[in-house]
């Protein structure tokens, strides 16, 4: 017999499309227009950028293992058209190449373009659990135990 389960409310298969469009003006990366949903757009871009920064670190480590160099030109060539290069400067890519932690780098990259603080970017990206998954605060502790009235 086949088990029937309710469909999840928020499917991870449905990908959110960020409306943060980044343009470069006089060497500075800025937003082309305001976002309709900044919180969701930042969360989506943060997840993509962190993953791509980790990929850059992995490729660099593998290239070093075989004795090859992996510099900024190679990173820009290999990740052309990816979201990470929309936000990254040379200093960001250099920091990632030195195997620094990618989470603060990604937060600073997005914060620089959106003019949010890095702390706000991290709050948007790592939102608290919702939809009843973390409801410890709702459990009432003041309900007395039932006692038997039978003797």
N, C-alpha and C. Protein backbone atom coordinates (compact mmCIF):
# COMPACT_ATOMS: atom_id res chain seq x y z
N UNK A 1 0.84 -1.17 0.00
CA UNK A 1 0.00 0.00 0.00
C UNK A 1 0.89 1.24 0.00
N UNK A 2 0.56 2.20 -0.82
CA UNK A 2 1.35 3.41 -0.97
C UNK A 2 0.99 4.42 0.11
N UNK A 3 1.98 4.99 0.72
CA UNK A 3 1.75 6.00 1.76
C UNK A 3 1.43 7.33 1.09
N UNK A 4 0.41 7.99 1.58
CA UNK A 4 0.02 9.30 1.07
C UNK A 4 0.52 10.36 2.04
N UNK A 5 1.32 11.26 1.54
CA UNK A 5 1.84 12.33 2.37
C UNK A 5 1.42 13.67 1.80
N UNK A 6 1.28 14.61 2.68
CA UNK A 6 0.95 15.96 2.24
C UNK A 6 2.15 16.58 1.56
N UNK A 7 1.89 17.38 0.55
CA UNK A 7 2.96 18.07 -0.15
C UNK A 7 3.58 19.11 0.76
N UNK A 8 4.90 19.29 0.72
CA UNK A 8 5.53 20.30 1.57
C UNK A 8 5.05 21.69 1.20
N UNK A 9 4.96 22.54 2.22
CA UNK A 9 4.48 23.90 1.99
C UNK A 9 5.48 24.71 1.18
N UNK A 10 6.76 24.55 1.50
CA UNK A 10 7.81 25.28 0.80
C UNK A 10 8.74 24.27 0.16
N UNK A 11 8.59 24.07 -1.10
CA UNK A 11 9.40 23.09 -1.80
C UNK A 11 10.78 23.67 -2.09
N UNK A 12 11.81 22.89 -1.80
CA UNK A 12 13.17 23.31 -2.09
C UNK A 12 13.45 23.20 -3.59
N UNK A 13 12.60 22.49 -4.31
CA UNK A 13 12.80 22.34 -5.74
C UNK A 13 12.46 23.61 -6.49
N UNK A 14 11.59 24.41 -5.91
CA UNK A 14 11.20 25.65 -6.56
C UNK A 14 12.29 26.69 -6.31
N UNK A 15 12.96 27.09 -7.33
CA UNK A 15 14.08 28.02 -7.17
C UNK A 15 13.58 29.45 -7.24
N UNK A 16 14.06 30.27 -6.35
CA UNK A 16 13.71 31.68 -6.33
C UNK A 16 14.66 32.41 -7.26
N UNK A 17 14.14 33.32 -8.02
CA UNK A 17 14.97 34.12 -8.92
C UNK A 17 15.19 35.48 -8.29
N UNK A 18 16.43 35.80 -8.01
CA UNK A 18 16.77 37.06 -7.40
C UNK A 18 16.57 38.19 -8.40
N UNK A 19 16.02 39.29 -7.92
CA UNK A 19 15.84 40.45 -8.80
C UNK A 19 16.89 41.53 -8.53
N UNK A 20 17.97 41.15 -7.84
CA UNK A 20 19.07 42.09 -7.62
C UNK A 20 19.93 42.12 -8.88
N UNK A 21 19.84 43.21 -9.60
CA UNK A 21 20.63 43.37 -10.82
C UNK A 21 21.80 44.29 -10.52
N UNK A 22 23.00 43.77 -10.69
CA UNK A 22 24.22 44.50 -10.35
C UNK A 22 24.83 45.05 -11.63
N UNK A 23 25.16 46.33 -11.60
CA UNK A 23 25.85 46.97 -12.73
C UNK A 23 27.12 47.62 -12.19
N UNK A 24 28.08 47.81 -13.09
CA UNK A 24 29.33 48.45 -12.70
C UNK A 24 29.37 49.85 -13.28
N UNK A 25 29.54 50.83 -12.40
CA UNK A 25 29.62 52.22 -12.81
C UNK A 25 30.92 52.79 -12.26
N UNK A 26 31.78 53.22 -13.18
CA UNK A 26 33.05 53.82 -12.81
C UNK A 26 33.87 52.92 -11.88
N UNK A 27 33.84 51.61 -12.14
CA UNK A 27 34.61 50.66 -11.35
C UNK A 27 33.96 50.22 -10.06
N UNK A 28 32.75 50.72 -9.75
CA UNK A 28 32.05 50.34 -8.52
C UNK A 28 30.79 49.56 -8.88
N UNK A 29 30.54 48.48 -8.14
CA UNK A 29 29.36 47.66 -8.39
C UNK A 29 28.21 48.17 -7.53
N UNK A 30 27.08 48.46 -8.20
CA UNK A 30 25.90 49.00 -7.52
C UNK A 30 24.66 48.30 -8.07
N UNK A 31 23.55 48.47 -7.36
CA UNK A 31 22.29 47.91 -7.84
C UNK A 31 21.73 48.78 -8.97
N UNK A 32 21.18 48.13 -9.98
CA UNK A 32 20.60 48.86 -11.10
C UNK A 32 19.25 49.46 -10.72
N UNK A 33 18.51 48.77 -9.86
CA UNK A 33 17.19 49.25 -9.42
C UNK A 33 16.85 48.59 -8.08
N UNK A 34 15.89 49.13 -7.36
CA UNK A 34 15.52 48.54 -6.07
C UNK A 34 14.90 47.15 -6.25
N UNK A 35 14.98 46.36 -5.20
CA UNK A 35 14.44 45.00 -5.22
C UNK A 35 12.99 45.00 -4.76
N UNK A 36 12.20 44.06 -5.28
CA UNK A 36 10.82 43.90 -4.83
C UNK A 36 10.75 43.15 -3.51
N UNK A 37 11.69 42.26 -3.27
CA UNK A 37 11.73 41.46 -2.04
C UNK A 37 13.19 41.28 -1.65
N UNK A 38 13.73 42.25 -0.95
CA UNK A 38 15.15 42.25 -0.63
C UNK A 38 15.55 41.06 0.22
N UNK A 39 14.73 40.69 1.18
CA UNK A 39 15.09 39.59 2.08
C UNK A 39 15.26 38.29 1.32
N UNK A 40 14.31 37.94 0.48
CA UNK A 40 14.39 36.70 -0.29
C UNK A 40 15.51 36.75 -1.32
N UNK A 41 15.68 37.90 -1.94
CA UNK A 41 16.74 38.04 -2.95
C UNK A 41 18.12 37.89 -2.32
N UNK A 42 18.32 38.50 -1.17
CA UNK A 42 19.61 38.41 -0.48
C UNK A 42 19.85 36.97 -0.03
N UNK A 43 18.83 36.32 0.51
CA UNK A 43 18.98 34.93 0.96
C UNK A 43 19.35 34.02 -0.21
N UNK A 44 18.71 34.20 -1.34
CA UNK A 44 18.99 33.37 -2.51
C UNK A 44 20.40 33.63 -3.04
N UNK A 45 20.76 34.90 -3.19
CA UNK A 45 22.08 35.23 -3.70
C UNK A 45 23.18 34.78 -2.74
N UNK A 46 22.95 34.91 -1.45
CA UNK A 46 23.94 34.48 -0.46
C UNK A 46 24.23 32.99 -0.60
N UNK A 47 23.18 32.18 -0.73
CA UNK A 47 23.36 30.74 -0.86
C UNK A 47 24.16 30.40 -2.13
N UNK A 48 23.84 31.05 -3.23
CA UNK A 48 24.56 30.80 -4.49
C UNK A 48 26.01 31.23 -4.38
N UNK A 49 26.25 32.39 -3.81
CA UNK A 49 27.60 32.93 -3.75
C UNK A 49 28.48 32.10 -2.82
N UNK A 50 27.94 31.69 -1.68
CA UNK A 50 28.73 30.85 -0.76
C UNK A 50 29.13 29.55 -1.45
N UNK A 51 28.19 28.94 -2.16
CA UNK A 51 28.49 27.69 -2.86
C UNK A 51 29.57 27.90 -3.93
N UNK A 52 29.47 28.97 -4.68
CA UNK A 52 30.44 29.22 -5.74
C UNK A 52 31.81 29.59 -5.18
N UNK A 53 31.85 30.28 -4.05
CA UNK A 53 33.13 30.58 -3.41
C UNK A 53 33.79 29.30 -2.91
N UNK A 54 32.99 28.37 -2.40
CA UNK A 54 33.54 27.08 -1.97
C UNK A 54 34.07 26.30 -3.17
N UNK A 55 33.39 26.40 -4.30
CA UNK A 55 33.88 25.75 -5.51
C UNK A 55 35.22 26.33 -5.95
N UNK A 56 35.36 27.65 -5.85
CA UNK A 56 36.63 28.30 -6.20
C UNK A 56 37.74 27.76 -5.32
N UNK A 57 37.47 27.64 -4.02
CA UNK A 57 38.48 27.11 -3.11
C UNK A 57 38.83 25.66 -3.44
N UNK A 58 37.84 24.86 -3.80
CA UNK A 58 38.10 23.46 -4.14
C UNK A 58 38.95 23.35 -5.40
N UNK A 59 38.61 24.14 -6.42
CA UNK A 59 39.38 24.09 -7.66
C UNK A 59 40.81 24.53 -7.41
N UNK A 60 40.99 25.60 -6.63
CA UNK A 60 42.34 26.09 -6.33
C UNK A 60 43.14 25.02 -5.60
N UNK A 61 42.53 24.33 -4.64
CA UNK A 61 43.23 23.28 -3.90
C UNK A 61 43.63 22.13 -4.83
N UNK A 62 42.75 21.77 -5.73
CA UNK A 62 43.06 20.68 -6.67
C UNK A 62 44.17 21.09 -7.64
N UNK A 63 44.14 22.34 -8.07
CA UNK A 63 45.18 22.82 -8.98
C UNK A 63 46.54 22.87 -8.26
N UNK A 64 46.55 23.24 -6.99
CA UNK A 64 47.79 23.28 -6.23
C UNK A 64 48.35 21.88 -6.02
N UNK A 65 47.46 20.89 -5.87
CA UNK A 65 47.90 19.51 -5.68
C UNK A 65 48.67 18.99 -6.88
N UNK A 66 48.33 19.46 -8.07
CA UNK A 66 49.04 19.01 -9.27
C UNK A 66 50.13 20.00 -9.68
N UNK A 67 50.35 21.02 -8.85
CA UNK A 67 51.45 21.95 -9.10
C UNK A 67 51.14 23.08 -10.04
N UNK A 68 49.88 23.39 -10.26
CA UNK A 68 49.51 24.49 -11.15
C UNK A 68 49.02 25.67 -10.33
N UNK A 69 49.08 26.86 -10.93
CA UNK A 69 48.58 28.06 -10.26
C UNK A 69 47.15 28.33 -10.72
N UNK A 70 46.40 28.95 -9.83
CA UNK A 70 45.00 29.29 -10.14
C UNK A 70 44.77 30.71 -9.65
N UNK A 71 44.94 31.67 -10.56
CA UNK A 71 44.85 33.09 -10.21
C UNK A 71 43.53 33.71 -10.59
N UNK A 72 43.51 35.03 -10.51
CA UNK A 72 42.27 35.77 -10.77
C UNK A 72 41.79 35.60 -12.21
N UNK A 73 42.71 35.57 -13.14
CA UNK A 73 42.30 35.42 -14.55
C UNK A 73 41.61 34.09 -14.77
N UNK A 74 42.17 33.02 -14.19
CA UNK A 74 41.57 31.70 -14.35
C UNK A 74 40.21 31.62 -13.67
N UNK A 75 40.09 32.24 -12.49
CA UNK A 75 38.81 32.25 -11.77
C UNK A 75 37.76 32.97 -12.61
N UNK A 76 38.11 34.13 -13.12
CA UNK A 76 37.14 34.90 -13.94
C UNK A 76 36.78 34.15 -15.21
N UNK A 77 37.73 33.42 -15.80
CA UNK A 77 37.44 32.64 -17.00
C UNK A 77 36.53 31.46 -16.68
N UNK A 78 36.84 30.71 -15.61
CA UNK A 78 36.09 29.51 -15.28
C UNK A 78 34.70 29.81 -14.73
N UNK A 79 34.52 30.95 -14.07
CA UNK A 79 33.24 31.29 -13.46
C UNK A 79 32.54 32.44 -14.20
N UNK A 80 32.86 32.61 -15.46
CA UNK A 80 32.21 33.65 -16.27
C UNK A 80 30.71 33.38 -16.34
N UNK A 81 29.93 34.40 -16.10
CA UNK A 81 28.48 34.29 -16.15
C UNK A 81 27.84 33.78 -14.87
N UNK A 82 28.65 33.45 -13.87
CA UNK A 82 28.11 32.98 -12.59
C UNK A 82 27.81 34.17 -11.68
N UNK A 83 26.94 33.93 -10.71
CA UNK A 83 26.46 35.01 -9.82
C UNK A 83 27.59 35.59 -8.97
N UNK A 84 28.56 34.78 -8.61
CA UNK A 84 29.62 35.24 -7.72
C UNK A 84 30.40 36.40 -8.34
N UNK A 85 30.60 36.38 -9.64
CA UNK A 85 31.37 37.45 -10.27
C UNK A 85 30.58 38.74 -10.42
N UNK A 86 29.25 38.67 -10.28
CA UNK A 86 28.47 39.91 -10.29
C UNK A 86 28.77 40.76 -9.06
N UNK A 87 29.11 40.12 -7.94
CA UNK A 87 29.33 40.83 -6.68
C UNK A 87 30.81 40.95 -6.31
N UNK A 88 31.67 40.09 -6.84
CA UNK A 88 33.05 39.98 -6.37
C UNK A 88 33.97 41.03 -6.98
N UNK A 89 34.87 41.52 -6.14
CA UNK A 89 35.99 42.34 -6.56
C UNK A 89 37.24 41.47 -6.53
N UNK A 90 38.34 42.00 -7.03
CA UNK A 90 39.59 41.26 -7.00
C UNK A 90 40.02 40.92 -5.58
N UNK A 91 39.77 41.83 -4.64
CA UNK A 91 40.16 41.58 -3.24
C UNK A 91 39.36 40.42 -2.65
N UNK A 92 38.09 40.28 -3.04
CA UNK A 92 37.27 39.16 -2.55
C UNK A 92 37.80 37.83 -3.08
N UNK A 93 38.11 37.81 -4.36
CA UNK A 93 38.61 36.58 -4.98
C UNK A 93 39.99 36.21 -4.43
N UNK A 94 40.80 37.21 -4.12
CA UNK A 94 42.10 36.94 -3.52
C UNK A 94 41.94 36.36 -2.13
N UNK A 95 41.00 36.89 -1.35
CA UNK A 95 40.75 36.36 0.00
C UNK A 95 40.27 34.92 -0.06
N UNK A 96 39.41 34.61 -1.02
CA UNK A 96 38.92 33.24 -1.17
C UNK A 96 40.06 32.33 -1.58
N UNK A 97 40.96 32.82 -2.41
CA UNK A 97 42.11 32.02 -2.84
C UNK A 97 43.04 31.68 -1.68
N UNK A 98 43.05 32.53 -0.65
CA UNK A 98 43.87 32.26 0.53
C UNK A 98 43.17 31.33 1.50
N UNK A 99 42.03 30.78 1.11
CA UNK A 99 41.24 29.83 1.90
C UNK A 99 40.71 30.45 3.19
N UNK A 100 40.29 31.71 3.11
CA UNK A 100 39.61 32.33 4.25
C UNK A 100 38.17 31.83 4.27
N UNK A 101 37.47 32.06 5.37
CA UNK A 101 36.08 31.61 5.48
C UNK A 101 35.22 32.33 4.46
N UNK A 102 34.34 31.56 3.79
CA UNK A 102 33.58 32.14 2.69
C UNK A 102 32.32 32.87 3.16
N UNK A 103 31.76 32.50 4.31
CA UNK A 103 30.52 33.13 4.76
C UNK A 103 30.67 34.64 4.97
N UNK A 104 31.67 35.11 5.72
CA UNK A 104 31.79 36.56 5.88
C UNK A 104 32.17 37.27 4.59
N UNK A 105 32.92 36.60 3.73
CA UNK A 105 33.28 37.21 2.45
C UNK A 105 32.03 37.42 1.61
N UNK A 106 31.17 36.40 1.55
CA UNK A 106 29.92 36.51 0.77
C UNK A 106 29.02 37.59 1.36
N UNK A 107 28.92 37.65 2.69
CA UNK A 107 28.09 38.66 3.33
C UNK A 107 28.60 40.07 3.02
N UNK A 108 29.92 40.26 3.06
CA UNK A 108 30.49 41.57 2.76
C UNK A 108 30.32 41.95 1.30
N UNK A 109 30.40 40.96 0.39
CA UNK A 109 30.20 41.24 -1.03
C UNK A 109 28.79 41.75 -1.29
N UNK A 110 27.80 41.08 -0.72
CA UNK A 110 26.40 41.48 -0.93
C UNK A 110 26.12 42.80 -0.22
N UNK A 111 26.68 42.96 0.98
CA UNK A 111 26.47 44.20 1.75
C UNK A 111 27.02 45.41 1.02
N UNK A 112 28.16 45.25 0.39
CA UNK A 112 28.79 46.36 -0.33
C UNK A 112 27.89 46.85 -1.47
N UNK A 113 27.25 45.94 -2.18
CA UNK A 113 26.43 46.31 -3.32
C UNK A 113 25.06 46.82 -2.89
N UNK A 114 24.46 46.17 -1.90
CA UNK A 114 23.09 46.52 -1.49
C UNK A 114 23.04 47.64 -0.46
N UNK A 115 24.19 48.02 0.10
CA UNK A 115 24.28 49.04 1.15
C UNK A 115 23.58 48.61 2.44
N UNK A 116 23.49 47.29 2.66
CA UNK A 116 23.05 46.74 3.93
C UNK A 116 24.29 46.46 4.76
N UNK A 117 24.13 46.23 6.04
CA UNK A 117 25.27 45.80 6.83
C UNK A 117 25.49 44.30 6.61
N UNK A 118 26.71 43.85 6.83
CA UNK A 118 27.01 42.42 6.68
C UNK A 118 26.19 41.60 7.68
N UNK A 119 25.93 42.18 8.84
CA UNK A 119 25.12 41.50 9.86
C UNK A 119 23.69 41.32 9.36
N UNK A 120 23.14 42.31 8.70
CA UNK A 120 21.79 42.20 8.14
C UNK A 120 21.74 41.15 7.03
N UNK A 121 22.76 41.11 6.21
CA UNK A 121 22.81 40.10 5.14
C UNK A 121 22.78 38.71 5.74
N UNK A 122 23.57 38.48 6.80
CA UNK A 122 23.58 37.17 7.45
C UNK A 122 22.24 36.85 8.10
N UNK A 123 21.57 37.85 8.65
CA UNK A 123 20.25 37.62 9.23
C UNK A 123 19.24 37.25 8.15
N UNK A 124 19.30 37.92 7.02
CA UNK A 124 18.39 37.59 5.92
C UNK A 124 18.68 36.21 5.36
N UNK A 125 19.95 35.86 5.29
CA UNK A 125 20.35 34.59 4.68
C UNK A 125 20.07 33.40 5.58
N UNK A 126 20.16 33.60 6.87
CA UNK A 126 19.96 32.51 7.82
C UNK A 126 18.75 32.81 8.67
N UNK A 127 17.60 32.82 8.02
CA UNK A 127 16.37 33.13 8.72
C UNK A 127 15.99 32.02 9.69
N UNK A 128 15.24 32.35 10.75
CA UNK A 128 14.85 31.32 11.72
C UNK A 128 13.87 30.33 11.12
N UNK A 129 13.76 29.20 11.76
CA UNK A 129 12.83 28.18 11.29
C UNK A 129 11.39 28.70 11.37
N UNK A 130 10.58 28.25 10.41
CA UNK A 130 9.20 28.69 10.35
C UNK A 130 8.29 27.50 10.15
N UNK A 131 7.02 27.73 10.09
CA UNK A 131 6.01 26.71 9.81
C UNK A 131 5.99 25.60 10.86
N UNK A 132 6.11 25.96 12.13
CA UNK A 132 5.92 24.99 13.19
C UNK A 132 7.09 24.05 13.42
N UNK A 133 8.22 24.30 12.82
CA UNK A 133 9.34 23.39 12.99
C UNK A 133 10.15 23.65 14.25
N UNK A 134 10.03 24.80 14.83
CA UNK A 134 10.76 25.10 16.06
C UNK A 134 9.80 25.82 16.99
N UNK A 135 8.99 25.07 17.66
CA UNK A 135 7.92 25.65 18.46
C UNK A 135 8.13 25.42 19.95
N UNK A 136 9.37 25.34 20.41
CA UNK A 136 9.61 25.09 21.82
C UNK A 136 9.04 26.19 22.70
N UNK A 137 8.96 27.39 22.20
CA UNK A 137 8.44 28.49 22.98
C UNK A 137 6.94 28.42 23.19
N UNK A 138 6.26 27.58 22.45
CA UNK A 138 4.82 27.48 22.57
C UNK A 138 4.37 26.40 23.55
N UNK A 139 5.28 25.58 24.04
CA UNK A 139 4.91 24.52 24.98
C UNK A 139 4.66 25.16 26.33
N UNK A 140 3.48 24.93 26.85
CA UNK A 140 3.13 25.51 28.15
C UNK A 140 3.65 24.63 29.26
N UNK A 141 4.34 25.20 30.19
CA UNK A 141 4.92 24.46 31.31
C UNK A 141 4.09 24.60 32.58
N UNK A 142 3.08 25.46 32.57
CA UNK A 142 2.33 25.73 33.79
C UNK A 142 1.08 24.86 33.93
N UNK A 143 0.87 23.89 33.08
CA UNK A 143 -0.32 23.02 33.17
C UNK A 143 -0.03 21.94 34.21
N UNK A 144 -0.87 21.87 35.23
CA UNK A 144 -0.62 20.84 36.26
C UNK A 144 -0.94 19.45 35.71
N UNK A 145 -0.28 18.45 36.31
CA UNK A 145 -0.53 17.07 35.91
C UNK A 145 -1.89 16.64 36.41
N UNK A 146 -2.52 15.78 35.64
CA UNK A 146 -3.82 15.24 36.06
C UNK A 146 -3.63 14.23 37.18
N UNK A 147 -4.52 14.29 38.10
CA UNK A 147 -4.49 13.31 39.19
C UNK A 147 -5.72 12.44 39.09
N UNK A 148 -5.61 11.25 39.51
CA UNK A 148 -6.71 10.29 39.42
C UNK A 148 -7.71 10.60 40.52
N UNK A 149 -8.99 10.62 40.19
CA UNK A 149 -10.03 10.86 41.19
C UNK A 149 -10.61 9.56 41.70
N UNK A 150 -10.13 8.42 41.23
CA UNK A 150 -10.59 7.12 41.66
C UNK A 150 -9.85 6.69 42.91
N UNK A 151 -10.57 6.02 43.82
CA UNK A 151 -9.92 5.51 45.03
C UNK A 151 -10.07 4.04 45.15
